[in-house]
C-alpha atoms as a PDB file:
ATOM      1  CA  MET A   1       0.527  -0.312   0.213  1.00  0.00           C
ATOM      2  CA  TYR A   2       1.369   3.288  -0.767  1.00  0.00           C
ATOM      3  CA  ARG A   3       0.548   6.661   1.183  1.00  0.00           C
ATOM      4  CA  ILE A   4       1.872  10.066   0.737  1.00  0.00           C
ATOM      5  CA  THR A   5       2.494  12.381   3.096  1.00  0.00           C
ATOM      6  CA  ASN A   6       1.108  16.300   3.230  1.00  0.00           C
ATOM      7  CA  THR A   7       5.215  17.579   1.377  1.00  0.00           C
ATOM      8  CA  PHE A   8       3.499  19.914  -1.232  1.00  0.00           C
ATOM      9  CA  SER A   9       0.973  22.328   0.839  1.00  0.00           C
ATOM     10  CA  ASP A  10       1.243  25.965   0.645  1.00  0.00           C
ATOM     11  CA  SER A  11       3.751  25.419  -2.529  1.00  0.00           C
ATOM     12  CA  ASP A  12       3.669  28.245  -4.790  1.00  0.00           C
ATOM     13  CA  GLU A  13       5.990  26.344  -7.547  1.00  0.00           C
ATOM     14  CA  ILE A  14       3.478  23.564  -8.729  1.00  0.00           C
ATOM     15  CA  THR A  15       1.800  24.158 -11.749  1.00  0.00           C
ATOM     16  CA  LYS A  16       1.173  19.977 -12.094  1.00  0.00           C
ATOM     17  CA  ILE A  17       0.388  17.156 -10.051  1.00  0.00           C
ATOM     18  CA  THR A  18       0.314  13.408 -11.689  1.00  0.00           C
ATOM     19  CA  ILE A  19       0.119  11.238  -8.879  1.00  0.00           C
ATOM     20  CA  ALA A  20       1.933   7.366  -8.907  1.00  0.00           C
ATOM     21  CA  ASP A  21      -0.208   4.531  -9.790  1.00  0.00           C
ATOM     22  CA  GLY A  22      -0.609   2.613  -6.748  1.00  0.00           C
ATOM     23  CA  VAL A  23      -1.452   5.205  -4.031  1.00  0.00           C
ATOM     24  CA  ILE A  24      -4.564   4.530  -2.637  1.00  0.00           C
ATOM     25  CA  ASN A  25      -4.678   7.726  -0.260  1.00  0.00           C
ATOM     26  CA  ILE A  26      -4.608  11.006  -1.395  1.00  0.00           C
ATOM     27  CA  LYS A  27      -3.730  12.475   3.074  1.00  0.00           C
ATOM     28  CA  ASP A  28      -5.606  15.174   4.619  1.00  0.00           C
ATOM     29  CA  ASP A  29      -4.244  18.487   3.621  1.00  0.00           C
ATOM     30  CA  LEU A  30      -2.018  16.931   0.874  1.00  0.00           C
ATOM     31  CA  PHE A  31      -1.847  19.839  -1.632  1.00  0.00           C
ATOM     32  CA  ARG A  32      -3.761  22.242   1.425  1.00  0.00           C
ATOM     33  CA  GLY A  33      -2.663  26.215  -0.407  1.00  0.00           C
ATOM     34  CA  CYS A  34      -1.265  26.017  -3.695  1.00  0.00           C
ATOM     35  CA  GLY A  35      -3.226  28.539  -5.161  1.00  0.00           C
ATOM     36  CA  ASN A  36      -3.398  29.371  -8.098  1.00  0.00           C
ATOM     37  CA  THR A  37      -0.681  27.887  -8.946  1.00  0.00           C
ATOM     38  CA  LEU A  38      -1.449  24.395  -9.001  1.00  0.00           C
ATOM     39  CA  LYS A  39      -3.678  24.079 -12.435  1.00  0.00           C
ATOM     40  CA  THR A  40      -3.409  20.437 -12.585  1.00  0.00           C
ATOM     41  CA  ILE A  41      -3.901  17.404 -10.394  1.00  0.00           C
ATOM     42  CA  ILE A  42      -3.840  13.331 -12.287  1.00  0.00           C
ATOM     43  CA  ILE A  43      -4.933  11.168 -10.001  1.00  0.00           C
ATOM     44  CA  PRO A  44      -4.551   7.800 -10.609  1.00  0.00           C
ATOM     45  CA  ASN A  45      -7.157   4.655 -10.907  1.00  0.00           C
ATOM     46  CA  SER A  46      -5.687   2.936  -7.878  1.00  0.00           C
ATOM     47  CA  VAL A  47      -6.480   5.940  -4.904  1.00  0.00           C
ATOM     48  CA  LYS A  48      -9.568   4.966  -2.949  1.00  0.00           C
ATOM     49  CA  ASN A  49      -9.844   8.242  -0.700  1.00  0.00           C
ATOM     50  CA  ILE A  50      -8.993  11.773  -0.869  1.00  0.00           C
ATOM     51  CA  GLY A  51      -8.450  12.936   2.502  1.00  0.00           C
ATOM     52  CA  ASP A  52      -9.585  15.740   3.934  1.00  0.00           C
ATOM     53  CA  ARG A  53      -8.972  19.403   2.745  1.00  0.00           C
ATOM     54  CA  ALA A  54      -6.806  17.344   0.626  1.00  0.00           C
ATOM     55  CA  PHE A  55      -6.969  20.229  -1.989  1.00  0.00           C
ATOM     56  CA  TYR A  56      -8.369  22.943   0.239  1.00  0.00           C
ATOM     57  CA  ASP A  57      -7.631  26.266  -1.977  1.00  0.00           C
ATOM     58  CA  CYS A  58      -6.236  25.555  -4.807  1.00  0.00           C
ATOM     59  CA  SER A  59      -7.866  28.029  -6.904  1.00  0.00           C
ATOM     60  CA  GLY A  60      -6.009  27.488  -9.736  1.00  0.00           C
ATOM     61  CA  LEU A  61      -7.718  24.216 -10.652  1.00  0.00           C
ATOM     62  CA  THR A  62     -10.409  24.181 -13.778  1.00  0.00           C
ATOM     63  CA  GLU A  63     -11.363  20.861 -13.892  1.00  0.00           C
ATOM     64  CA  ILE A  64     -11.146  18.025 -11.999  1.00  0.00           C
ATOM     65  CA  ASN A  65     -12.229  14.217 -12.672  1.00  0.00           C
ATOM     66  CA  ILE A  66     -12.473  12.032  -9.768  1.00  0.00           C
ATOM     67  CA  PRO A  67     -11.953   8.441 -10.841  1.00  0.00           C
ATOM     68  CA  ASN A  68     -13.943   5.746 -10.398  1.00  0.00           C
ATOM     69  CA  SER A  69     -11.415   3.648  -7.563  1.00  0.00           C
ATOM     70  CA  VAL A  70     -12.694   6.494  -5.235  1.00  0.00           C
ATOM     71  CA  THR A  71     -15.660   5.552  -2.663  1.00  0.00           C
ATOM     72  CA  ASP A  72     -15.025   8.770  -0.802  1.00  0.00           C
ATOM     73  CA  ILE A  73     -14.198  12.299  -0.789  1.00  0.00           C
ATOM     74  CA  GLY A  74     -12.928  13.874   2.735  1.00  0.00           C
ATOM     75  CA  GLY A  75     -14.775  17.049   4.054  1.00  0.00           C
ATOM     76  CA  GLU A  76     -13.301  20.388   2.310  1.00  0.00           C
ATOM     77  CA  ALA A  77     -11.161  18.598   0.166  1.00  0.00           C
ATOM     78  CA  PHE A  78     -11.731  20.319  -2.513  1.00  0.00           C
ATOM     79  CA  CYS A  79     -13.076  23.896  -0.878  1.00  0.00           C
ATOM     80  CA  GLY A  80     -11.948  27.041  -1.767  1.00  0.00           C
ATOM     81  CA  CYS A  81     -11.533  25.715  -5.751  1.00  0.00           C
ATOM     82  CA  SER A  82     -13.175  29.077  -6.635  1.00  0.00           C
ATOM     83  CA  GLY A  83     -11.575  27.621 -10.422  1.00  0.00           C
ATOM     84  CA  LEU A  84     -13.737  24.846 -10.627  1.00  0.00           C
ATOM     85  CA  THR A  85     -15.787  24.736 -13.602  1.00  0.00           C
ATOM     86  CA  LYS A  86     -16.367  21.062 -14.159  1.00  0.00           C
ATOM     87  CA  VAL A  87     -16.352  18.255 -11.869  1.00  0.00           C
ATOM     88  CA  THR A  88     -16.654  14.148 -12.575  1.00  0.00           C
ATOM     89  CA  ILE A  89     -17.126  12.154  -9.951  1.00  0.00           C
ATOM     90  CA  GLY A  90     -16.642   8.428 -10.258  1.00  0.00           C
ATOM     91  CA  ASN A  91     -18.756   5.252 -10.375  1.00  0.00           C
ATOM     92  CA  SER A  92     -17.855   4.066  -6.985  1.00  0.00           C
ATOM     93  CA  VAL A  93     -17.811   6.960  -4.628  1.00  0.00           C
ATOM     94  CA  LYS A  94     -20.364   6.266  -2.041  1.00  0.00           C
ATOM     95  CA  ASN A  95     -19.798   9.674   0.352  1.00  0.00           C
ATOM     96  CA  ILE A  96     -18.917  13.276  -0.437  1.00  0.00           C
ATOM     97  CA  GLY A  97     -17.924  15.020   2.380  1.00  0.00           C
ATOM     98  CA  GLN A  98     -19.433  18.248   3.941  1.00  0.00           C
ATOM     99  CA  TYR A  99     -17.520  21.897   2.045  1.00  0.00           C
ATOM    100  CA  ALA A 100     -16.540  18.991   0.096  1.00  0.00           C
ATOM    101  CA  PHE A 101     -17.065  21.534  -2.847  1.00  0.00           C
ATOM    102  CA  TYR A 102     -18.309  24.629  -1.080  1.00  0.00           C
ATOM    103  CA  GLU A 103     -17.117  27.894  -2.171  1.00  0.00           C
ATOM    104  CA  CYS A 104     -16.418  26.566  -5.616  1.00  0.00           C
ATOM    105  CA  GLU A 105     -18.841  29.424  -7.048  1.00  0.00           C
ATOM    106  CA  ASN A 106     -17.493  28.814 -11.100  1.00  0.00           C
ATOM    107  CA  ILE A 107     -18.426  25.236 -11.263  1.00  0.00           C
ATOM    108  CA  GLU A 108     -20.915  25.183 -14.113  1.00  0.00           C
ATOM    109  CA  GLU A 109     -21.115  20.998 -15.014  1.00  0.00           C
ATOM    110  CA  VAL A 110     -21.346  18.212 -11.982  1.00  0.00           C
ATOM    111  CA  ASN A 111     -20.716  15.034 -13.346  1.00  0.00           C
ATOM    112  CA  SER A 112     -21.870  12.182 -11.196  1.00  0.00           C
ATOM    113  CA  LEU A 113     -21.355   9.127 -12.533  1.00  0.00           C
ATOM    114  CA  ASN A 114     -23.422   6.709  -9.711  1.00  0.00           C
ATOM    115  CA  THR A 115     -26.382   4.987 -10.296  1.00  0.00           C
ATOM    116  CA  THR A 116     -26.771   4.929  -6.667  1.00  0.00           C
ATOM    117  CA  PRO A 117     -26.531   8.853  -5.606  1.00  0.00           C
ATOM    118  CA  PRO A 118     -23.311   9.042  -3.023  1.00  0.00           C
ATOM    119  CA  GLU A 119     -24.020  10.830   0.186  1.00  0.00           C
ATOM    120  CA  ILE A 120     -23.896  14.617   0.510  1.00  0.00           C
ATOM    121  CA  TRP A 121     -24.313  16.809   2.702  1.00  0.00           C
ATOM    122  CA  LYS A 122     -26.703  20.229   2.909  1.00  0.00           C
ATOM    123  CA  TYR A 123     -22.995  22.826   2.258  1.00  0.00           C
ATOM    124  CA  THR A 124     -21.135  19.582   0.112  1.00  0.00           C
ATOM    125  CA  PHE A 125     -21.608  22.178  -2.357  1.00  0.00           C
ATOM    126  CA  SER A 126     -22.287  25.946  -2.109  1.00  0.00           C
ATOM    127  CA  ASP A 127     -25.844  27.612  -3.262  1.00  0.00           C
ATOM    128  CA  VAL A 128     -24.630  29.540  -6.057  1.00  0.00           C
ATOM    129  CA  THR A 129     -23.069  25.722  -6.925  1.00  0.00           C
ATOM    130  CA  TYR A 130     -26.994  24.385  -6.867  1.00  0.00           C
ATOM    131  CA  ASN A 131     -28.710  27.812  -8.388  1.00  0.00           C
ATOM    132  CA  ASN A 132     -26.573  28.171 -11.491  1.00  0.00           C
ATOM    133  CA  ALA A 133     -24.499  24.064 -12.222  1.00  0.00           C
ATOM    134  CA  THR A 134     -25.929  21.429 -14.325  1.00  0.00           C
ATOM    135  CA  LEU A 135     -26.032  18.509 -12.726  1.00  0.00           C
ATOM    136  CA  TYR A 136     -25.554  15.638 -14.959  1.00  0.00           C
ATOM    137  CA  VAL A 137     -26.292  12.073 -13.816  1.00  0.00           C
ATOM    138  CA  PRO A 138     -26.937   8.023 -15.580  1.00  0.00           C
ATOM    139  CA  THR A 139     -29.746   8.106 -17.746  1.00  0.00           C
ATOM    140  CA  GLY A 140     -32.637   6.939 -16.439  1.00  0.00           C
ATOM    141  CA  CYS A 141     -30.963   7.788 -12.782  1.00  0.00           C
ATOM    142  CA  ARG A 142     -32.678  11.437 -12.445  1.00  0.00           C
ATOM    143  CA  ASN A 143     -35.717  10.479 -10.325  1.00  0.00           C
ATOM    144  CA  ILE A 144     -33.469   8.750  -7.676  1.00  0.00           C
ATOM    145  CA  TYR A 145     -31.417  11.871  -7.928  1.00  0.00           C
ATOM    146  CA  TRP A 146     -33.524  14.181  -7.341  1.00  0.00           C
ATOM    147  CA  LEU A 147     -35.490  12.331  -4.095  1.00  0.00           C
ATOM    148  CA  HIS A 148     -32.112  11.621  -2.203  1.00  0.00           C
ATOM    149  CA  PRO A 149     -31.592  13.900   0.327  1.00  0.00           C
ATOM    150  CA  TYR A 150     -29.301  17.373  -0.982  1.00  0.00           C
ATOM    151  CA  TRP A 151     -28.932  16.416  -4.505  1.00  0.00           C
ATOM    152  CA  GLU A 152     -32.699  17.392  -5.417  1.00  0.00           C
ATOM    153  CA  ASN A 153     -31.040  21.079  -4.241  1.00  0.00           C
ATOM    154  CA  PHE A 154     -29.862  21.130  -7.941  1.00  0.00           C
ATOM    155  CA  PHE A 155     -31.981  23.338 -10.020  1.00  0.00           C
ATOM    156  CA  GLU A 156     -30.933  21.966 -13.300  1.00  0.00           C
ATOM    157  CA  MET A 157     -30.550  18.269 -13.300  1.00  0.00           C
ATOM    158  CA  LYS A 158     -30.462  16.120 -16.587  1.00  0.00           C
ATOM    159  CA  GLU A 159     -29.408  12.881 -17.634  1.00  0.00           C
ATOM    160  CA  LYS A 160     -26.605  11.687 -19.430  1.00  0.00           C
ATOM    161  CA  ASP A 161     -25.024   8.749 -21.214  1.00  0.00           C
ATOM    162  CA  PHE A 162     -21.508   8.329 -19.974  1.00  0.00           C
ATOM    163  CA  SER A 163     -20.405   6.034 -22.462  1.00  0.00           C
ATOM    164  CA  THR A 164     -21.210   8.372 -25.574  1.00  0.00           C
ATOM    165  CA  GLY A 165     -20.814  11.898 -23.413  1.00  0.00           C
ATOM    166  CA  ILE A 166     -24.205  12.735 -24.679  1.00  0.00           C
ATOM    167  CA  ALA A 167     -27.104  13.844 -22.828  1.00  0.00           C
ATOM    168  CA  ASN A 168     -30.624  12.953 -23.035  1.00  0.00           C
ATOM    169  CA  PRO A 169     -33.171  15.027 -23.027  1.00  0.00           C
ATOM    170  CA  THR A 170     -35.009  16.265 -20.216  1.00  0.00           C
ATOM    171  CA  ILE A 171     -38.567  16.476 -20.305  1.00  0.00           C
ATOM    172  CA  ASP A 172     -40.208  18.739 -17.672  1.00  0.00           C
ATOM    173  CA  GLY A 173     -42.998  19.442 -19.788  1.00  0.00           C
ATOM    174  CA  ASP A 174     -44.430  19.569 -23.468  1.00  0.00           C
ATOM    175  CA  ASP A 175     -42.721  22.726 -24.394  1.00  0.00           C
ATOM    176  CA  GLU A 176     -39.160  21.700 -22.723  1.00  0.00           C
ATOM    177  CA  GLN A 177     -39.061  18.580 -25.634  1.00  0.00           C
ATOM    178  CA  THR A 178     -37.529  19.329 -28.697  1.00  0.00           C
ATOM    179  CA  ILE A 179     -38.192  16.090 -30.357  1.00  0.00           C
ATOM    180  CA  GLU A 180     -39.727  12.332 -29.543  1.00  0.00           C
ATOM    181  CA  LEU A 181     -40.230   9.478 -31.469  1.00  0.00           C
ATOM    182  CA  VAL A 182     -43.345   8.707 -32.826  1.00  0.00           C
ATOM    183  CA  ASP A 183     -43.926   5.067 -34.958  1.00  0.00           C
ATOM    184  CA  GLY A 184     -40.430   4.970 -35.209  1.00  0.00           C
ATOM    185  CA  LYS A 185     -39.543   8.477 -36.691  1.00  0.00           C
ATOM    186  CA  ILE A 186     -38.611  11.203 -35.399  1.00  0.00           C
ATOM    187  CA  ARG A 187     -40.428  13.732 -34.418  1.00  0.00           C
ATOM    188  CA  PHE A 188     -40.365  17.674 -34.137  1.00  0.00           C
ATOM    189  CA  ASN A 189     -41.796  20.086 -31.195  1.00  0.00           C
ATOM    190  CA  LYS A 190     -40.158  23.233 -32.270  1.00  0.00           C
ATOM    191  CA  ASP A 191     -40.728  25.107 -35.369  1.00  0.00           C
ATOM    192  CA  GLY A 192     -37.207  26.838 -36.847  1.00  0.00           C
ATOM    193  CA  GLU A 193     -34.277  25.157 -35.669  1.00  0.00           C
ATOM    194  CA  GLU A 194     -31.637  23.999 -37.631  1.00  0.00           C
ATOM    195  CA  VAL A 195     -31.499  19.885 -36.921  1.00  0.00           C
ATOM    196  CA  TYR A 196     -28.474  17.009 -38.210  1.00  0.00           C
ATOM    197  CA  ILE A 197     -29.351  13.991 -37.839  1.00  0.00           C
ATOM    198  CA  TYR A 198     -26.265  11.113 -37.501  1.00  0.00           C
ATOM    199  CA  SER A 199     -25.903   7.616 -37.177  1.00  0.00           C
ATOM    200  CA  ILE A 200     -23.809   6.415 -35.026  1.00  0.00           C
ATOM    201  CA  ASN A 201     -21.070   6.118 -37.598  1.00  0.00           C
ATOM    202  CA  GLY A 202     -21.527   9.957 -38.333  1.00  0.00           C
ATOM    203  CA  THR A 203     -22.480   9.972 -41.411  1.00  0.00           C
ATOM    204  CA  LEU A 204     -24.779  13.169 -41.872  1.00  0.00           C
ATOM    205  CA  VAL A 205     -28.783  11.378 -43.328  1.00  0.00           C
ATOM    206  CA  TYR A 206     -30.679  14.348 -42.342  1.00  0.00           C
ATOM    207  CA  LYS A 207     -30.000  18.356 -42.855  1.00  0.00           C
ATOM    208  CA  GLY A 208     -33.137  20.892 -42.279  1.00  0.00           C
ATOM    209  CA  ILE A 209     -34.247  23.684 -40.404  1.00  0.00           C
ATOM    210  CA  SER A 210     -37.388  21.847 -37.648  1.00  0.00           C
ATOM    211  CA  GLN A 211     -40.965  22.555 -38.384  1.00  0.00           C
ATOM    212  CA  TYR A 212     -43.333  21.634 -35.631  1.00  0.00           C
ATOM    213  CA  GLY A 213     -44.781  18.177 -36.351  1.00  0.00           C
ATOM    214  CA  GLN A 214     -42.340  16.846 -38.708  1.00  0.00           C
ATOM    215  CA  THR A 215     -41.272  13.446 -39.074  1.00  0.00           C
ATOM    216  CA  ILE A 216     -38.102  12.385 -40.161  1.00  0.00           C
ATOM    217  CA  ASP A 217     -37.738   8.638 -40.801  1.00  0.00           C
ATOM    218  CA  VAL A 218     -34.392   7.017 -40.731  1.00  0.00           C
ATOM    219  CA  PRO A 219     -32.921   4.719 -43.251  1.00  0.00           C
ATOM    220  CA  THR A 220     -32.236   1.920 -40.913  1.00  0.00           C
ATOM    221  CA  LYS A 221     -33.202   0.844 -37.226  1.00  0.00           C
ATOM    222  CA  GLY A 222     -30.188   1.354 -35.024  1.00  0.00           C
ATOM    223  CA  ILE A 223     -29.244   4.614 -32.632  1.00  0.00           C
ATOM    224  CA  TYR A 224     -28.714   8.583 -34.172  1.00  0.00           C
ATOM    225  CA  ILE A 225     -27.711  11.932 -32.705  1.00  0.00           C
ATOM    226  CA  VAL A 226     -30.139  14.903 -33.500  1.00  0.00           C
ATOM    227  CA  LYS A 227     -28.094  17.762 -32.785  1.00  0.00           C
ATOM    228  CA  THR A 228     -30.577  20.977 -32.625  1.00  0.00           C
ATOM    229  CA  GLY A 229     -29.307  23.962 -31.403  1.00  0.00           C
ATOM    230  CA  ASN A 230     -27.697  23.425 -28.429  1.00  0.00           C
ATOM    231  CA  SER A 231     -28.471  19.867 -27.472  1.00  0.00           C
ATOM    232  CA  SER A 232     -27.085  16.480 -28.913  1.00  0.00           C
ATOM    233  CA  ILE A 233     -29.429  13.896 -28.090  1.00  0.00           C
ATOM    234  CA  LYS A 234     -28.792  10.595 -28.491  1.00  0.00           C
ATOM    235  CA  VAL A 235     -32.130   8.407 -29.738  1.00  0.00           C
ATOM    236  CA  THR A 236     -32.907   4.744 -30.705  1.00  0.00           C
ATOM    237  CA  LEU A 237     -34.942   3.544 -33.412  1.00  0.00           C
END
């Protein structure tokens, strides 16, 4: 078992850290206070625990990817990482501590890959994050996240197929649903949007401007990517 100690805390010289494969525990306070100089941290798929305040006040980080090996993220682990815009939480994370992503008020996107919502606290994320960021959860899991304590605080929650990275449509009402499937065809529910339909191998099979009620019959049954406006949606026909 490998364990690393808090040699790097309060350093103003480190710009990138690649944690060695085989490390299991990232110790409390390990990179605390590295400020805006630390821009990149790569965590291997051997790490199981991220300690309390491990990356506290590392404001230079803009994106963090928690690998699927991690089960626990400590309290205040990324607190004060004000530069973060995107967070991806691996599919084995079970517990995320109090204030883990607090005062990270520029987060725009949170991806939680676990089909079972990790346990979080009221102040795991800041209110600004709950109100402004989009939470993406695995396809079919929106309701269970919505019903789980504190995840429901996210104002905008959508499903995503993490194998392709494509967000699925979230239907909160007919006015917000841009397409639907009717009798094996793609039906548009909005007028005037530029539409591209691609096969799963990237071949363009349709290009046009949507009309409400218009249906498109694709060449063969299979998986297609429909791009309408700013949305990309995977459909299976």
